[in-house]
């Protein structure tokens, strides 16, 4: 396996990691933005108000997106392992 194949495998893994984490990160950012806007408008500066809604929403999105994430991860792993012979020879 040469350096170019190693870089290609790492590139594909990073893309998969970004695709799998994107729904959670986008949701957390959106909730943080909404909560910050509400805190600014109401002048309530409670620290737990920022963390609890974000944790709850990220948990719900994780539960909803988990089947898609597992399917995508298994598909990537199967594709990687079935095509691994081309990197060895």
PDB file of N, CA and C in Angstrom:
ATOM      1  N   UNK A   1       0.855  -1.168   0.000  1.00  0.00           N
ATOM      2  CA  UNK A   1       0.000   0.000   0.000  1.00  0.00           C
ATOM      3  C   UNK A   1       0.900   1.230   0.000  1.00  0.00           C
ATOM      4  N   UNK A   2       0.680   2.085  -0.970  1.00  0.00           N
ATOM      5  CA  UNK A   2       1.490   3.282  -1.079  1.00  0.00           C
ATOM      6  C   UNK A   2       0.895   4.452  -0.333  1.00  0.00           C
ATOM      7  N   UNK A   3       1.646   5.540  -0.302  1.00  0.00           N
ATOM      8  CA  UNK A   3       1.151   6.723   0.406  1.00  0.00           C
ATOM      9  C   UNK A   3      -0.115   7.316  -0.210  1.00  0.00           C
ATOM     10  N   UNK A   4      -0.245   7.232  -1.527  1.00  0.00           N
ATOM     11  CA  UNK A   4      -1.431   7.789  -2.169  1.00  0.00           C
ATOM     12  C   UNK A   4      -2.690   7.011  -1.798  1.00  0.00           C
ATOM     13  N   UNK A   5      -2.578   5.691  -1.651  1.00  0.00           N
ATOM     14  CA  UNK A   5      -3.739   4.898  -1.235  1.00  0.00           C
ATOM     15  C   UNK A   5      -4.083   5.156   0.232  1.00  0.00           C
ATOM     16  N   UNK A   6      -3.052   5.333   1.048  1.00  0.00           N
ATOM     17  CA  UNK A   6      -3.293   5.639   2.455  1.00  0.00           C
ATOM     18  C   UNK A   6      -3.995   6.981   2.597  1.00  0.00           C
ATOM     19  N   UNK A   7      -3.561   7.951   1.826  1.00  0.00           N
ATOM     20  CA  UNK A   7      -4.197   9.272   1.854  1.00  0.00           C
ATOM     21  C   UNK A   7      -5.637   9.183   1.373  1.00  0.00           C
ATOM     22  N   UNK A   8      -5.899   8.367   0.365  1.00  0.00           N
ATOM     23  CA  UNK A   8      -7.263   8.200  -0.152  1.00  0.00           C
ATOM     24  C   UNK A   8      -8.173   7.570   0.900  1.00  0.00           C
ATOM     25  N   UNK A   9      -7.685   6.549   1.599  1.00  0.00           N
ATOM     26  CA  UNK A   9      -8.486   5.915   2.655  1.00  0.00           C
ATOM     27  C   UNK A   9      -8.761   6.913   3.772  1.00  0.00           C
ATOM     28  N   UNK A  10      -7.751   7.658   4.178  1.00  0.00           N
ATOM     29  CA  UNK A  10      -7.935   8.651   5.244  1.00  0.00           C
ATOM     30  C   UNK A  10      -8.904   9.751   4.812  1.00  0.00           C
ATOM     31  N   UNK A  11      -8.830  10.154   3.548  1.00  0.00           N
ATOM     32  CA  UNK A  11      -9.742  11.184   3.035  1.00  0.00           C
ATOM     33  C   UNK A  11     -11.181  10.691   3.099  1.00  0.00           C
ATOM     34  N   UNK A  12     -11.399   9.448   2.697  1.00  0.00           N
ATOM     35  CA  UNK A  12     -12.759   8.881   2.742  1.00  0.00           C
ATOM     36  C   UNK A  12     -13.261   8.753   4.178  1.00  0.00           C
ATOM     37  N   UNK A  13     -12.355   8.375   5.088  1.00  0.00           N
ATOM     38  CA  UNK A  13     -12.758   8.260   6.496  1.00  0.00           C
ATOM     39  C   UNK A  13     -13.123   9.622   7.081  1.00  0.00           C
ATOM     40  N   UNK A  14     -12.371  10.648   6.751  1.00  0.00           N
ATOM     41  CA  UNK A  14     -12.686  11.989   7.254  1.00  0.00           C
ATOM     42  C   UNK A  14     -14.005  12.503   6.692  1.00  0.00           C
ATOM     43  N   UNK A  15     -14.269  12.217   5.435  1.00  0.00           N
ATOM     44  CA  UNK A  15     -15.546  12.622   4.838  1.00  0.00           C
ATOM     45  C   UNK A  15     -16.698  11.909   5.533  1.00  0.00           C
ATOM     46  N   UNK A  16     -16.541  10.622   5.809  1.00  0.00           N
ATOM     47  CA  UNK A  16     -17.588   9.885   6.522  1.00  0.00           C
ATOM     48  C   UNK A  16     -17.786  10.436   7.929  1.00  0.00           C
ATOM     49  N   UNK A  17     -16.702  10.762   8.607  1.00  0.00           N
ATOM     50  CA  UNK A  17     -16.817  11.327   9.958  1.00  0.00           C
ATOM     51  C   UNK A  17     -17.554  12.656   9.922  1.00  0.00           C
ATOM     52  N   UNK A  18     -17.274  13.475   8.925  1.00  0.00           N
ATOM     53  CA  UNK A  18     -17.979  14.761   8.802  1.00  0.00           C
ATOM     54  C   UNK A  18     -19.458  14.547   8.486  1.00  0.00           C
ATOM     55  N   UNK A  19     -19.754  13.580   7.616  1.00  0.00           N
ATOM     56  CA  UNK A  19     -21.148  13.323   7.268  1.00  0.00           C
ATOM     57  C   UNK A  19     -21.935  12.782   8.469  1.00  0.00           C
ATOM     58  N   UNK A  20     -21.300  11.948   9.282  1.00  0.00           N
ATOM     59  CA  UNK A  20     -21.983  11.381  10.435  1.00  0.00           C
ATOM     60  C   UNK A  20     -22.171  12.396  11.562  1.00  0.00           C
ATOM     61  N   UNK A  21     -21.235  13.321  11.704  1.00  0.00           N
ATOM     62  CA  UNK A  21     -21.341  14.296  12.797  1.00  0.00           C
ATOM     63  C   UNK A  21     -22.106  15.554  12.395  1.00  0.00           C
ATOM     64  N   UNK A  22     -22.322  15.767  11.124  1.00  0.00           N
ATOM     65  CA  UNK A  22     -22.966  16.997  10.656  1.00  0.00           C
ATOM     66  C   UNK A  22     -24.361  17.235  11.244  1.00  0.00           C
ATOM     67  N   UNK A  23     -25.266  16.242  11.260  1.00  0.00           N
ATOM     68  CA  UNK A  23     -26.593  16.530  11.824  1.00  0.00           C
ATOM     69  C   UNK A  23     -26.547  16.960  13.285  1.00  0.00           C
ATOM     70  N   UNK A  24     -25.690  16.331  14.059  1.00  0.00           N
ATOM     71  CA  UNK A  24     -25.595  16.684  15.475  1.00  0.00           C
ATOM     72  C   UNK A  24     -24.996  18.076  15.665  1.00  0.00           C
ATOM     73  N   UNK A  25     -23.951  18.375  14.918  1.00  0.00           N
ATOM     74  CA  UNK A  25     -23.302  19.679  15.063  1.00  0.00           C
ATOM     75  C   UNK A  25     -24.187  20.827  14.583  1.00  0.00           C
ATOM     76  N   UNK A  26     -24.875  20.617  13.471  1.00  0.00           N
ATOM     77  CA  UNK A  26     -25.759  21.662  12.949  1.00  0.00           C
ATOM     78  C   UNK A  26     -26.914  21.908  13.912  1.00  0.00           C
ATOM     79  N   UNK A  27     -27.460  20.833  14.458  1.00  0.00           N
ATOM     80  CA  UNK A  27     -28.552  20.967  15.422  1.00  0.00           C
ATOM     81  C   UNK A  27     -28.094  21.689  16.679  1.00  0.00           C
ATOM     82  N   UNK A  28     -26.930  21.314  17.196  1.00  0.00           N
ATOM     83  CA  UNK A  28     -26.406  21.969  18.399  1.00  0.00           C
ATOM     84  C   UNK A  28     -26.153  23.451  18.149  1.00  0.00           C
ATOM     85  N   UNK A  29     -25.627  23.790  16.986  1.00  0.00           N
ATOM     86  CA  UNK A  29     -25.395  25.202  16.661  1.00  0.00           C
ATOM     87  C   UNK A  29     -26.705  25.975  16.537  1.00  0.00           C
ATOM     88  N   UNK A  30     -27.699  25.368  15.900  1.00  0.00           N
ATOM     89  CA  UNK A  30     -28.984  26.049  15.733  1.00  0.00           C
ATOM     90  C   UNK A  30     -29.669  26.273  17.082  1.00  0.00           C
ATOM     91  N   UNK A  31     -29.656  25.271  17.934  1.00  0.00           N
ATOM     92  CA  UNK A  31     -30.267  25.426  19.261  1.00  0.00           C
ATOM     93  C   UNK A  31     -29.520  26.470  20.076  1.00  0.00           C
ATOM     94  N   UNK A  32     -28.209  26.466  20.013  1.00  0.00           N
ATOM     95  CA  UNK A  32     -27.416  27.464  20.734  1.00  0.00           C
ATOM     96  C   UNK A  32     -27.736  28.871  20.246  1.00  0.00           C
ATOM     97  N   UNK A  33     -27.895  29.017  18.951  1.00  0.00           N
ATOM     98  CA  UNK A  33     -28.222  30.327  18.392  1.00  0.00           C
ATOM     99  C   UNK A  33     -29.588  30.795  18.871  1.00  0.00           C
ATOM    100  N   UNK A  34     -30.568  29.920  18.847  1.00  0.00           N
ATOM    101  CA  UNK A  34     -31.917  30.287  19.287  1.00  0.00           C
ATOM    102  C   UNK A  34     -31.932  30.622  20.772  1.00  0.00           C
ATOM    103  N   UNK A  35     -31.268  29.804  21.588  1.00  0.00           N
ATOM    104  CA  UNK A  35     -31.242  30.056  23.027  1.00  0.00           C
ATOM    105  C   UNK A  35     -30.500  31.352  23.335  1.00  0.00           C
ATOM    106  N   UNK A  36     -29.417  31.601  22.652  1.00  0.00           N
ATOM    107  CA  UNK A  36     -28.682  32.857  22.860  1.00  0.00           C
ATOM    108  C   UNK A  36     -29.521  34.065  22.468  1.00  0.00           C
ATOM    109  N   UNK A  37     -30.259  33.927  21.383  1.00  0.00           N
ATOM    110  CA  UNK A  37     -31.139  35.014  20.959  1.00  0.00           C
ATOM    111  C   UNK A  37     -32.231  35.257  21.997  1.00  0.00           C
ATOM    112  N   UNK A  38     -32.823  34.188  22.513  1.00  0.00           N
ATOM    113  CA  UNK A  38     -33.845  34.334  23.552  1.00  0.00           C
ATOM    114  C   UNK A  38     -33.262  34.930  24.827  1.00  0.00           C
ATOM    115  N   UNK A  39     -32.056  34.531  25.194  1.00  0.00           N
ATOM    116  CA  UNK A  39     -31.421  35.097  26.381  1.00  0.00           C
ATOM    117  C   UNK A  39     -31.137  36.580  26.195  1.00  0.00           C
ATOM    118  N   UNK A  40     -30.744  36.955  25.014  1.00  0.00           N
ATOM    119  CA  UNK A  40     -30.476  38.368  24.746  1.00  0.00           C
ATOM    120  C   UNK A  40     -31.758  39.189  24.786  1.00  0.00           C
ATOM    121  N   UNK A  41     -32.817  38.643  24.207  1.00  0.00           N
ATOM    122  CA  UNK A  41     -34.072  39.384  24.171  1.00  0.00           C
ATOM    123  C   UNK A  41     -34.734  39.495  25.538  1.00  0.00           C
ATOM    124  N   UNK A  42     -34.578  38.465  26.367  1.00  0.00           N
ATOM    125  CA  UNK A  42     -35.242  38.482  27.668  1.00  0.00           C
ATOM    126  C   UNK A  42     -34.322  38.897  28.811  1.00  0.00           C
ATOM    127  N   UNK A  43     -33.044  39.072  28.541  1.00  0.00           N
ATOM    128  CA  UNK A  43     -32.038  39.462  29.540  1.00  0.00           C
ATOM    129  C   UNK A  43     -31.917  38.446  30.667  1.00  0.00           C
ATOM    130  N   UNK A  44     -32.196  37.190  30.383  1.00  0.00           N
ATOM    131  CA  UNK A  44     -32.024  36.117  31.356  1.00  0.00           C
ATOM    132  C   UNK A  44     -30.687  35.453  31.038  1.00  0.00           C
ATOM    133  N   UNK A  45     -29.760  35.516  31.976  1.00  0.00           N
ATOM    134  CA  UNK A  45     -28.430  34.971  31.737  1.00  0.00           C
ATOM    135  C   UNK A  45     -28.179  33.752  32.625  1.00  0.00           C
ATOM    136  N   UNK A  46     -28.979  32.742  32.473  1.00  0.00           N
ATOM    137  CA  UNK A  46     -28.851  31.513  33.250  1.00  0.00           C
ATOM    138  C   UNK A  46     -27.989  30.524  32.464  1.00  0.00           C
ATOM    139  N   UNK A  47     -26.954  29.973  33.101  1.00  0.00           N
ATOM    140  CA  UNK A  47     -26.037  29.076  32.402  1.00  0.00           C
ATOM    141  C   UNK A  47     -26.680  27.737  32.055  1.00  0.00           C
ATOM    142  N   UNK A  48     -27.535  27.234  32.919  1.00  0.00           N
ATOM    143  CA  UNK A  48     -28.166  25.946  32.626  1.00  0.00           C
ATOM    144  C   UNK A  48     -29.163  26.053  31.479  1.00  0.00           C
ATOM    145  N   UNK A  49     -29.634  27.253  31.208  1.00  0.00           N
ATOM    146  CA  UNK A  49     -30.584  27.450  30.121  1.00  0.00           C
ATOM    147  C   UNK A  49     -29.938  27.183  28.764  1.00  0.00           C
ATOM    148  N   UNK A  50     -28.643  27.343  28.671  1.00  0.00           N
ATOM    149  CA  UNK A  50     -27.976  27.087  27.390  1.00  0.00           C
ATOM    150  C   UNK A  50     -27.634  25.614  27.211  1.00  0.00           C
ATOM    151  N   UNK A  51     -27.302  24.934  28.287  1.00  0.00           N
ATOM    152  CA  UNK A  51     -26.820  23.559  28.158  1.00  0.00           C
ATOM    153  C   UNK A  51     -27.947  22.533  28.056  1.00  0.00           C
ATOM    154  N   UNK A  52     -28.973  22.672  28.860  1.00  0.00           N
ATOM    155  CA  UNK A  52     -30.018  21.647  28.921  1.00  0.00           C
ATOM    156  C   UNK A  52     -30.787  21.499  27.604  1.00  0.00           C
ATOM    157  N   UNK A  53     -31.279  22.570  26.997  1.00  0.00           N
ATOM    158  CA  UNK A  53     -31.991  22.378  25.716  1.00  0.00           C
ATOM    159  C   UNK A  53     -31.095  21.799  24.627  1.00  0.00           C
ATOM    160  N   UNK A  54     -29.844  22.223  24.607  1.00  0.00           N
ATOM    161  CA  UNK A  54     -28.925  21.711  23.595  1.00  0.00           C
ATOM    162  C   UNK A  54     -28.696  20.210  23.800  1.00  0.00           C
ATOM    163  N   UNK A  55     -28.500  19.780  25.029  1.00  0.00           N
ATOM    164  CA  UNK A  55     -28.305  18.355  25.312  1.00  0.00           C
ATOM    165  C   UNK A  55     -29.538  17.537  24.941  1.00  0.00           C
ATOM    166  N   UNK A  56     -30.703  18.045  25.275  1.00  0.00           N
ATOM    167  CA  UNK A  56     -31.942  17.315  24.977  1.00  0.00           C
ATOM    168  C   UNK A  56     -32.145  17.193  23.469  1.00  0.00           C
ATOM    169  N   UNK A  57     -31.963  18.282  22.749  1.00  0.00           N
ATOM    170  CA  UNK A  57     -32.182  18.257  21.299  1.00  0.00           C
ATOM    171  C   UNK A  57     -31.140  17.378  20.614  1.00  0.00           C
ATOM    172  N   UNK A  58     -29.892  17.454  21.036  1.00  0.00           N
ATOM    173  CA  UNK A  58     -28.863  16.602  20.434  1.00  0.00           C
ATOM    174  C   UNK A  58     -29.148  15.130  20.731  1.00  0.00           C
ATOM    175  N   UNK A  59     -29.633  14.823  21.929  1.00  0.00           N
ATOM    176  CA  UNK A  59     -30.003  13.448  22.248  1.00  0.00           C
ATOM    177  C   UNK A  59     -31.140  12.964  21.349  1.00  0.00           C
ATOM    178  N   UNK A  60     -32.154  13.792  21.159  1.00  0.00           N
ATOM    179  CA  UNK A  60     -33.290  13.407  20.312  1.00  0.00           C
ATOM    180  C   UNK A  60     -32.837  13.217  18.870  1.00  0.00           C
ATOM    181  N   UNK A  61     -32.010  14.118  18.360  1.00  0.00           N
ATOM    182  CA  UNK A  61     -31.520  13.989  16.984  1.00  0.00           C
ATOM    183  C   UNK A  61     -30.652  12.742  16.851  1.00  0.00           C
ATOM    184  N   UNK A  62     -29.873  12.435  17.872  1.00  0.00           N
ATOM    185  CA  UNK A  62     -29.060  11.222  17.837  1.00  0.00           C
ATOM    186  C   UNK A  62     -29.939   9.976  17.761  1.00  0.00           C
ATOM    187  N   UNK A  63     -30.982   9.925  18.560  1.00  0.00           N
ATOM    188  CA  UNK A  63     -31.880   8.767  18.544  1.00  0.00           C
ATOM    189  C   UNK A  63     -32.581   8.653  17.197  1.00  0.00           C
ATOM    190  N   UNK A  64     -32.998   9.770  16.635  1.00  0.00           N
ATOM    191  CA  UNK A  64     -33.689   9.746  15.339  1.00  0.00           C
ATOM    192  C   UNK A  64     -32.737   9.377  14.207  1.00  0.00           C
ATOM    193  N   UNK A  65     -31.520   9.910  14.234  1.00  0.00           N
ATOM    194  CA  UNK A  65     -30.575   9.705  13.140  1.00  0.00           C
ATOM    195  C   UNK A  65     -29.724   8.447  13.299  1.00  0.00           C
ATOM    196  N   UNK A  66     -29.841   7.762  14.417  1.00  0.00           N
ATOM    197  CA  UNK A  66     -28.988   6.603  14.664  1.00  0.00           C
ATOM    198  C   UNK A  66     -29.134   5.497  13.619  1.00  0.00           C
ATOM    199  N   UNK A  67     -30.332   5.136  13.170  1.00  0.00           N
ATOM    200  CA  UNK A  67     -30.410   4.098  12.122  1.00  0.00           C
ATOM    201  C   UNK A  67     -29.686   4.507  10.837  1.00  0.00           C
ATOM    202  N   UNK A  68     -29.835   5.764  10.440  1.00  0.00           N
ATOM    203  CA  UNK A  68     -29.135   6.252   9.249  1.00  0.00           C
ATOM    204  C   UNK A  68     -27.629   6.228   9.463  1.00  0.00           C
ATOM    205  N   UNK A  69     -27.184   6.624  10.638  1.00  0.00           N
ATOM    206  CA  UNK A  69     -25.748   6.648  10.933  1.00  0.00           C
ATOM    207  C   UNK A  69     -25.159   5.241  10.908  1.00  0.00           C
ATOM    208  N   UNK A  70     -25.851   4.306  11.520  1.00  0.00           N
ATOM    209  CA  UNK A  70     -25.357   2.926  11.558  1.00  0.00           C
ATOM    210  C   UNK A  70     -25.340   2.338  10.149  1.00  0.00           C
ATOM    211  N   UNK A  71     -26.386   2.585   9.384  1.00  0.00           N
ATOM    212  CA  UNK A  71     -26.439   2.074   8.006  1.00  0.00           C
ATOM    213  C   UNK A  71     -25.294   2.641   7.183  1.00  0.00           C
ATOM    214  N   UNK A  72     -25.058   3.917   7.311  1.00  0.00           N
ATOM    215  CA  UNK A  72     -23.981   4.562   6.549  1.00  0.00           C
ATOM    216  C   UNK A  72     -22.608   4.038   6.984  1.00  0.00           C
ATOM    217  N   UNK A  73     -22.426   3.852   8.280  1.00  0.00           N
ATOM    218  CA  UNK A  73     -21.150   3.358   8.793  1.00  0.00           C
ATOM    219  C   UNK A  73     -20.901   1.911   8.372  1.00  0.00           C
ATOM    220  N   UNK A  74     -21.937   1.087   8.436  1.00  0.00           N
ATOM    221  CA  UNK A  74     -21.788  -0.310   8.004  1.00  0.00           C
ATOM    222  C   UNK A  74     -21.523  -0.376   6.509  1.00  0.00           C
ATOM    223  N   UNK A  75     -22.226   0.430   5.738  1.00  0.00           N
ATOM    224  CA  UNK A  75     -22.010   0.463   4.293  1.00  0.00           C
ATOM    225  C   UNK A  75     -20.585   0.891   3.958  1.00  0.00           C
ATOM    226  N   UNK A  76     -20.085   1.898   4.647  1.00  0.00           N
ATOM    227  CA  UNK A  76     -18.713   2.358   4.421  1.00  0.00           C
ATOM    228  C   UNK A  76     -17.708   1.269   4.779  1.00  0.00           C
ATOM    229  N   UNK A  77     -17.945   0.586   5.901  1.00  0.00           N
ATOM    230  CA  UNK A  77     -17.019  -0.454   6.339  1.00  0.00           C
ATOM    231  C   UNK A  77     -17.018  -1.635   5.370  1.00  0.00           C
ATOM    232  N   UNK A  78     -18.185  -2.042   4.924  1.00  0.00           N
ATOM    233  CA  UNK A  78     -18.266  -3.142   3.959  1.00  0.00           C
ATOM    234  C   UNK A  78     -17.587  -2.747   2.658  1.00  0.00           C
ATOM    235  N   UNK A  79     -17.829  -1.538   2.192  1.00  0.00           N
ATOM    236  CA  UNK A  79     -17.196  -1.064   0.961  1.00  0.00           C
ATOM    237  C   UNK A  79     -15.683  -1.019   1.121  1.00  0.00           C
ATOM    238  N   UNK A  80     -15.215  -0.581   2.274  1.00  0.00           N
ATOM    239  CA  UNK A  80     -13.773  -0.495   2.520  1.00  0.00           C
ATOM    240  C   UNK A  80     -13.151  -1.891   2.561  1.00  0.00           C
ATOM    241  N   UNK A  81     -13.797  -2.823   3.253  1.00  0.00           N
ATOM    242  CA  UNK A  81     -13.220  -4.160   3.398  1.00  0.00           C
ATOM    243  C   UNK A  81     -13.325  -4.981   2.101  1.00  0.00           C
ATOM    244  N   UNK A  82     -14.384  -4.792   1.321  1.00  0.00           N
ATOM    245  CA  UNK A  82     -14.491  -5.544   0.072  1.00  0.00           C
ATOM    246  C   UNK A  82     -13.559  -4.979  -0.992  1.00  0.00           C
ATOM    247  N   UNK A  83     -13.250  -3.708  -0.925  1.00  0.00           N
ATOM    248  CA  UNK A  83     -12.338  -3.106  -1.899  1.00  0.00           C
ATOM    249  C   UNK A  83     -10.915  -3.008  -1.406  1.00  0.00           C
ATOM    250  N   UNK A  84     -10.618  -3.639  -0.255  1.00  0.00           N
ATOM    251  CA  UNK A  84      -9.293  -3.519   0.337  1.00  0.00           C
ATOM    252  C   UNK A  84      -8.226  -4.249  -0.464  1.00  0.00           C
ATOM    253  N   UNK A  85      -8.633  -5.262  -1.249  1.00  0.00           N
ATOM    254  CA  UNK A  85      -7.665  -6.030  -2.018  1.00  0.00           C
ATOM    255  C   UNK A  85      -6.951  -5.159  -3.071  1.00  0.00           C
ATOM    256  N   UNK A  86      -7.605  -4.121  -3.561  1.00  0.00           N
ATOM    257  CA  UNK A  86      -6.946  -3.278  -4.563  1.00  0.00           C
ATOM    258  C   UNK A  86      -5.847  -2.412  -3.949  1.00  0.00           C
ATOM    259  N   UNK A  87      -5.908  -2.213  -2.632  1.00  0.00           N
ATOM    260  CA  UNK A  87      -4.844  -1.441  -1.989  1.00  0.00           C
ATOM    261  C   UNK A  87      -3.645  -2.303  -1.638  1.00  0.00           C
ATOM    262  N   UNK A  88      -3.843  -3.603  -1.547  1.00  0.00           N
ATOM    263  CA  UNK A  88      -2.739  -4.491  -1.161  1.00  0.00           C
ATOM    264  C   UNK A  88      -1.852  -4.865  -2.338  1.00  0.00           C
ATOM    265  N   UNK A  89      -2.402  -4.918  -3.514  1.00  0.00           N
ATOM    266  CA  UNK A  89      -1.620  -5.426  -4.642  1.00  0.00           C
ATOM    267  C   UNK A  89      -1.195  -4.450  -5.616  1.00  0.00           C
TER     268      UNK A  89
END
